[in-house]
C-alpha atoms as a PDB file:
ATOM      1  CA  MET A   1       0.000   0.000   0.000  1.00  0.00           C
ATOM      2  CA  GLU A   2       1.316   3.354  -0.997  1.00  0.00           C
ATOM      3  CA  THR A   3      -0.904   5.761   0.930  1.00  0.00           C
ATOM      4  CA  HIS A   4      -0.964   6.124   4.679  1.00  0.00           C
ATOM      5  CA  ILE A   5      -4.750   6.090   4.721  1.00  0.00           C
ATOM      6  CA  ALA A   6      -4.965   2.819   2.779  1.00  0.00           C
ATOM      7  CA  ARG A   7      -2.447   1.334   5.197  1.00  0.00           C
ATOM      8  CA  ALA A   8      -4.459   2.568   8.207  1.00  0.00           C
ATOM      9  CA  LEU A   9      -7.684   1.098   6.794  1.00  0.00           C
ATOM     10  CA  HIS A  10      -5.844  -2.163   6.084  1.00  0.00           C
ATOM     11  CA  GLU A  11      -4.533  -2.294   9.661  1.00  0.00           C
ATOM     12  CA  ASP A  12      -8.093  -1.801  10.950  1.00  0.00           C
ATOM     13  CA  HIS A  13      -9.180  -4.704   8.761  1.00  0.00           C
ATOM     14  CA  MET A  14      -6.444  -6.944  10.154  1.00  0.00           C
ATOM     15  CA  VAL A  15      -7.451  -6.169  13.753  1.00  0.00           C
ATOM     16  CA  THR A  16     -11.070  -6.927  12.896  1.00  0.00           C
ATOM     17  CA  LEU A  17     -10.171 -10.180  11.137  1.00  0.00           C
ATOM     18  CA  ALA A  18      -8.197 -11.280  14.204  1.00  0.00           C
ATOM     19  CA  PHE A  19     -11.270 -10.616  16.343  1.00  0.00           C
ATOM     20  CA  LEU A  20     -13.485 -12.530  13.896  1.00  0.00           C
ATOM     21  CA  GLU A  21     -11.065 -15.461  14.022  1.00  0.00           C
ATOM     22  CA  ARG A  22     -11.420 -15.589  17.816  1.00  0.00           C
ATOM     23  CA  LEU A  23     -15.190 -15.296  17.517  1.00  0.00           C
ATOM     24  CA  GLU A  24     -15.434 -18.085  14.939  1.00  0.00           C
ATOM     25  CA  ALA A  25     -13.160 -20.320  17.039  1.00  0.00           C
ATOM     26  CA  LEU A  26     -15.589 -19.916  19.943  1.00  0.00           C
ATOM     27  CA  LEU A  27     -18.529 -20.788  17.686  1.00  0.00           C
ATOM     28  CA  ALA A  28     -16.713 -23.880  16.387  1.00  0.00           C
ATOM     29  CA  ARG A  29     -15.905 -25.091  19.916  1.00  0.00           C
ATOM     30  CA  HIS A  30     -19.451 -24.553  21.199  1.00  0.00           C
ATOM     31  CA  ARG A  31     -22.240 -25.454  18.809  1.00  0.00           C
ATOM     32  CA  PRO A  32     -25.665 -23.790  19.252  1.00  0.00           C
ATOM     33  CA  GLY A  33     -26.927 -26.368  21.757  1.00  0.00           C
ATOM     34  CA  TYR A  34     -23.758 -26.370  23.870  1.00  0.00           C
ATOM     35  CA  PRO A  35     -23.242 -22.975  25.507  1.00  0.00           C
ATOM     36  CA  PRO A  36     -19.890 -22.056  27.024  1.00  0.00           C
ATOM     37  CA  VAL A  37     -19.445 -20.489  30.441  1.00  0.00           C
ATOM     38  CA  ALA A  38     -19.552 -16.767  29.710  1.00  0.00           C
ATOM     39  CA  ALA A  39     -17.577 -15.916  32.857  1.00  0.00           C
ATOM     40  CA  THR A  40     -14.516 -17.820  31.604  1.00  0.00           C
ATOM     41  CA  PRO A  41     -11.808 -15.118  31.264  1.00  0.00           C
ATOM     42  CA  ALA A  42     -11.196 -15.682  27.544  1.00  0.00           C
ATOM     43  CA  ILE A  43     -14.915 -15.683  26.731  1.00  0.00           C
ATOM     44  CA  ALA A  44     -15.616 -12.662  28.939  1.00  0.00           C
ATOM     45  CA  ALA A  45     -12.820 -10.785  27.141  1.00  0.00           C
ATOM     46  CA  LEU A  46     -14.243 -11.770  23.759  1.00  0.00           C
ATOM     47  CA  LEU A  47     -17.695 -10.526  24.765  1.00  0.00           C
ATOM     48  CA  ARG A  48     -16.223  -7.177  25.830  1.00  0.00           C
ATOM     49  CA  ASP A  49     -14.301  -7.048  22.554  1.00  0.00           C
ATOM     50  CA  CYS A  50     -17.565  -7.446  20.624  1.00  0.00           C
ATOM     51  CA  GLU A  51     -18.695  -3.990  21.643  1.00  0.00           C
ATOM     52  CA  ARG A  52     -15.254  -2.420  21.145  1.00  0.00           C
ATOM     53  CA  THR A  53     -14.866  -3.982  17.684  1.00  0.00           C
ATOM     54  CA  VAL A  54     -18.339  -2.912  16.609  1.00  0.00           C
ATOM     55  CA  ALA A  55     -17.744   0.645  17.824  1.00  0.00           C
ATOM     56  CA  SER A  56     -14.396   0.830  16.042  1.00  0.00           C
ATOM     57  CA  GLU A  57     -14.866  -1.196  12.848  1.00  0.00           C
ATOM     58  CA  ILE A  58     -18.547  -0.660  12.258  1.00  0.00           C
ATOM     59  CA  GLY A  59     -18.941   2.755  13.828  1.00  0.00           C
ATOM     60  CA  GLN A  60     -15.819   4.811  13.250  1.00  0.00           C
ATOM     61  CA  HIS A  61     -14.396   2.874  10.299  1.00  0.00           C
ATOM     62  CA  PHE A  62     -17.634   2.747   8.279  1.00  0.00           C
ATOM     63  CA  ASP A  63     -18.447   6.379   9.110  1.00  0.00           C
ATOM     64  CA  PHE A  64     -14.988   7.502   8.006  1.00  0.00           C
ATOM     65  CA  GLU A  65     -15.221   5.611   4.731  1.00  0.00           C
ATOM     66  CA  GLU A  66     -18.684   7.012   4.005  1.00  0.00           C
ATOM     67  CA  ALA A  67     -17.742  10.592   4.837  1.00  0.00           C
ATOM     68  CA  GLU A  68     -14.201  10.793   3.500  1.00  0.00           C
ATOM     69  CA  ILE A  69     -13.353   7.932   1.133  1.00  0.00           C
ATOM     70  CA  PHE A  70     -16.535   7.074  -0.747  1.00  0.00           C
ATOM     71  CA  PRO A  71     -17.227  10.611  -2.039  1.00  0.00           C
ATOM     72  CA  ARG A  72     -13.696  10.699  -3.472  1.00  0.00           C
ATOM     73  CA  LEU A  73     -14.174   7.303  -5.082  1.00  0.00           C
ATOM     74  CA  ALA A  74     -17.496   8.351  -6.586  1.00  0.00           C
ATOM     75  CA  ALA A  75     -15.910  11.534  -7.964  1.00  0.00           C
ATOM     76  CA  ALA A  76     -13.200   9.373  -9.548  1.00  0.00           C
ATOM     77  CA  GLY A  77     -15.835   7.265 -11.326  1.00  0.00           C
ATOM     78  CA  ALA A  78     -16.097   4.298  -8.951  1.00  0.00           C
ATOM     79  CA  ASP A  79     -19.811   4.842  -8.293  1.00  0.00           C
ATOM     80  CA  ALA A  80     -20.688   1.148  -8.656  1.00  0.00           C
ATOM     81  CA  MET A  81     -18.120   0.136  -6.035  1.00  0.00           C
ATOM     82  CA  VAL A  82     -19.314   2.845  -3.664  1.00  0.00           C
ATOM     83  CA  HIS A  83     -22.927   1.724  -4.092  1.00  0.00           C
ATOM     84  CA  VAL A  84     -22.081  -1.909  -3.262  1.00  0.00           C
ATOM     85  CA  LEU A  85     -19.975  -0.993  -0.232  1.00  0.00           C
ATOM     86  CA  ILE A  86     -22.641   1.354   1.162  1.00  0.00           C
ATOM     87  CA  GLU A  87     -25.283  -1.354   0.749  1.00  0.00           C
ATOM     88  CA  GLU A  88     -23.058  -3.764   2.641  1.00  0.00           C
ATOM     89  CA  HIS A  89     -22.500  -1.216   5.410  1.00  0.00           C
ATOM     90  CA  GLU A  90     -26.276  -0.882   5.723  1.00  0.00           C
ATOM     91  CA  GLU A  91     -26.658  -4.676   5.970  1.00  0.00           C
ATOM     92  CA  ILE A  92     -23.807  -5.117   8.470  1.00  0.00           C
ATOM     93  CA  ARG A  93     -24.797  -2.361  10.917  1.00  0.00           C
ATOM     94  CA  PRO A  94     -27.944  -4.091  12.243  1.00  0.00           C
ATOM     95  CA  LEU A  95     -26.078  -7.417  12.396  1.00  0.00           C
ATOM     96  CA  ALA A  96     -23.424  -5.713  14.510  1.00  0.00           C
ATOM     97  CA  GLN A  97     -26.039  -4.265  16.844  1.00  0.00           C
ATOM     98  CA  SER A  98     -27.659  -7.682  17.206  1.00  0.00           C
ATOM     99  CA  LEU A  99     -24.282  -9.200  18.055  1.00  0.00           C
ATOM    100  CA  VAL A 100     -23.590  -6.544  20.693  1.00  0.00           C
ATOM    101  CA  ALA A 101     -27.052  -7.012  22.242  1.00  0.00           C
ATOM    102  CA  SER A 102     -26.517 -10.783  22.403  1.00  0.00           C
ATOM    103  CA  ALA A 103     -23.035 -10.335  23.869  1.00  0.00           C
ATOM    104  CA  ARG A 104     -24.455  -8.046  26.569  1.00  0.00           C
ATOM    105  CA  GLN A 105     -27.085 -10.668  27.385  1.00  0.00           C
ATOM    106  CA  GLY A 106     -24.355 -13.288  27.701  1.00  0.00           C
ATOM    107  CA  GLU A 107     -22.296 -11.022  29.933  1.00  0.00           C
ATOM    108  CA  ALA A 108     -25.240 -10.143  32.147  1.00  0.00           C
ATOM    109  CA  HIS A 109     -26.957 -13.529  32.437  1.00  0.00           C
ATOM    110  CA  GLY A 110     -24.462 -16.104  31.257  1.00  0.00           C
ATOM    111  CA  PHE A 111     -25.018 -18.274  28.241  1.00  0.00           C
ATOM    112  CA  VAL A 112     -28.159 -20.228  28.932  1.00  0.00           C
ATOM    113  CA  ALA A 113     -29.382 -22.170  25.906  1.00  0.00           C
ATOM    114  CA  ASP A 114     -31.600 -19.489  24.337  1.00  0.00           C
ATOM    115  CA  ILE A 115     -29.112 -16.637  24.857  1.00  0.00           C
ATOM    116  CA  TRP A 116     -26.288 -18.770  23.455  1.00  0.00           C
ATOM    117  CA  ALA A 117     -28.357 -19.799  20.418  1.00  0.00           C
ATOM    118  CA  GLU A 118     -29.150 -16.140  19.729  1.00  0.00           C
ATOM    119  CA  PHE A 119     -25.516 -15.089  20.171  1.00  0.00           C
ATOM    120  CA  HIS A 120     -24.280 -17.990  18.033  1.00  0.00           C
ATOM    121  CA  ALA A 121     -26.598 -17.120  15.145  1.00  0.00           C
ATOM    122  CA  ALA A 122     -25.838 -13.389  15.356  1.00  0.00           C
ATOM    123  CA  ALA A 123     -22.085 -13.987  15.551  1.00  0.00           C
ATOM    124  CA  ALA A 124     -22.013 -16.440  12.639  1.00  0.00           C
ATOM    125  CA  THR A 125     -23.963 -14.129  10.329  1.00  0.00           C
ATOM    126  CA  PHE A 126     -22.008 -11.051  11.384  1.00  0.00           C
ATOM    127  CA  ALA A 127     -18.632 -12.759  10.917  1.00  0.00           C
ATOM    128  CA  SER A 128     -19.527 -14.139   7.512  1.00  0.00           C
ATOM    129  CA  GLN A 129     -20.815 -10.849   6.144  1.00  0.00           C
ATOM    130  CA  LEU A 130     -18.023  -8.725   7.608  1.00  0.00           C
ATOM    131  CA  GLU A 131     -15.295 -11.068   6.340  1.00  0.00           C
ATOM    132  CA  ALA A 132     -16.729 -10.889   2.819  1.00  0.00           C
ATOM    133  CA  HIS A 133     -16.969  -7.105   3.065  1.00  0.00           C
ATOM    134  CA  ILE A 134     -13.384  -6.744   4.257  1.00  0.00           C
ATOM    135  CA  ALA A 135     -12.207  -8.963   1.397  1.00  0.00           C
ATOM    136  CA  LYS A 136     -13.932  -6.646  -1.110  1.00  0.00           C
ATOM    137  CA  GLU A 137     -12.365  -3.600   0.459  1.00  0.00           C
ATOM    138  CA  GLU A 138      -8.911  -5.184   0.526  1.00  0.00           C
ATOM    139  CA  MET A 139      -9.110  -6.260  -3.126  1.00  0.00           C
ATOM    140  CA  GLY A 140     -11.102  -3.369  -4.567  1.00  0.00           C
ATOM    141  CA  LEU A 141     -11.283  -0.304  -2.371  1.00  0.00           C
ATOM    142  CA  LEU A 142      -7.734   0.003  -1.052  1.00  0.00           C
ATOM    143  CA  PRO A 143      -5.997  -0.267  -4.451  1.00  0.00           C
ATOM    144  CA  VAL A 144      -8.306   2.451  -5.806  1.00  0.00           C
ATOM    145  CA  VAL A 145      -7.584   4.630  -2.778  1.00  0.00           C
ATOM    146  CA  ASP A 146      -3.879   4.270  -3.513  1.00  0.00           C
ATOM    147  CA  ASP A 147      -4.520   5.297  -7.121  1.00  0.00           C
ATOM    148  CA  ILE A 148      -6.664   8.371  -6.516  1.00  0.00           C
ATOM    149  CA  ILE A 149      -5.382   9.919  -3.268  1.00  0.00           C
ATOM    150  CA  ASP A 150      -2.540  12.418  -3.596  1.00  0.00           C
ATOM    151  CA  MET A 151       0.043  13.006  -0.860  1.00  0.00           C
ATOM    152  CA  GLU A 152      -1.591  16.141   0.528  1.00  0.00           C
ATOM    153  CA  THR A 153      -5.029  14.525   0.736  1.00  0.00           C
ATOM    154  CA  ASP A 154      -3.447  11.384   2.173  1.00  0.00           C
ATOM    155  CA  SER A 155      -1.912  13.389   5.013  1.00  0.00           C
ATOM    156  CA  ALA A 156      -5.168  15.186   5.741  1.00  0.00           C
ATOM    157  CA  LEU A 157      -7.222  11.962   5.678  1.00  0.00           C
ATOM    158  CA  SER A 158      -4.710  10.162   7.867  1.00  0.00           C
ATOM    159  CA  LEU A 159      -4.976  12.919  10.443  1.00  0.00           C
ATOM    160  CA  VAL A 160      -8.782  12.832  10.415  1.00  0.00           C
ATOM    161  CA  PHE A 161      -8.743   9.035  10.740  1.00  0.00           C
ATOM    162  CA  ALA A 162      -6.228   9.100  13.605  1.00  0.00           C
ATOM    163  CA  ASN A 163      -8.229  11.764  15.454  1.00  0.00           C
ATOM    164  CA  GLN A 164     -11.347   9.578  15.315  1.00  0.00           C
ATOM    165  CA  ARG A 165      -9.569   6.849  17.263  1.00  0.00           C
END
């Protein structure tokens, strides 16, 4: 990656993918009918990380892309890509909120069968959709960002992105 902003977005993606890997490992170890103990330190940390990841990746990251990156892409003629990515953001946001709500239930009440089943379903759908979205951004969005962003704009965008953290 040539631009600082593409690199920063990529690093966000890598942090999110690492979280999703942990989440999917939990789902693989504990099928829907076999809830884990939510108070286990590793699981409790993962549940807390759900909210942090959603706030960072879905909140700040998506908002930054929509406000700062997508208008520049559209102006450069990548309207179709922008349209697809915005649609995916709109699909992922409610999935993220569902995941956070389920994680909070697990934290507050433990993972009884119905809470675990709800969390499991929300987590599986969220992870699948977000992984696919990140793959599109890595293969499509970031190379275009590198192509269209000049050094001055790159510096300004990097500062805005860093200040949102």
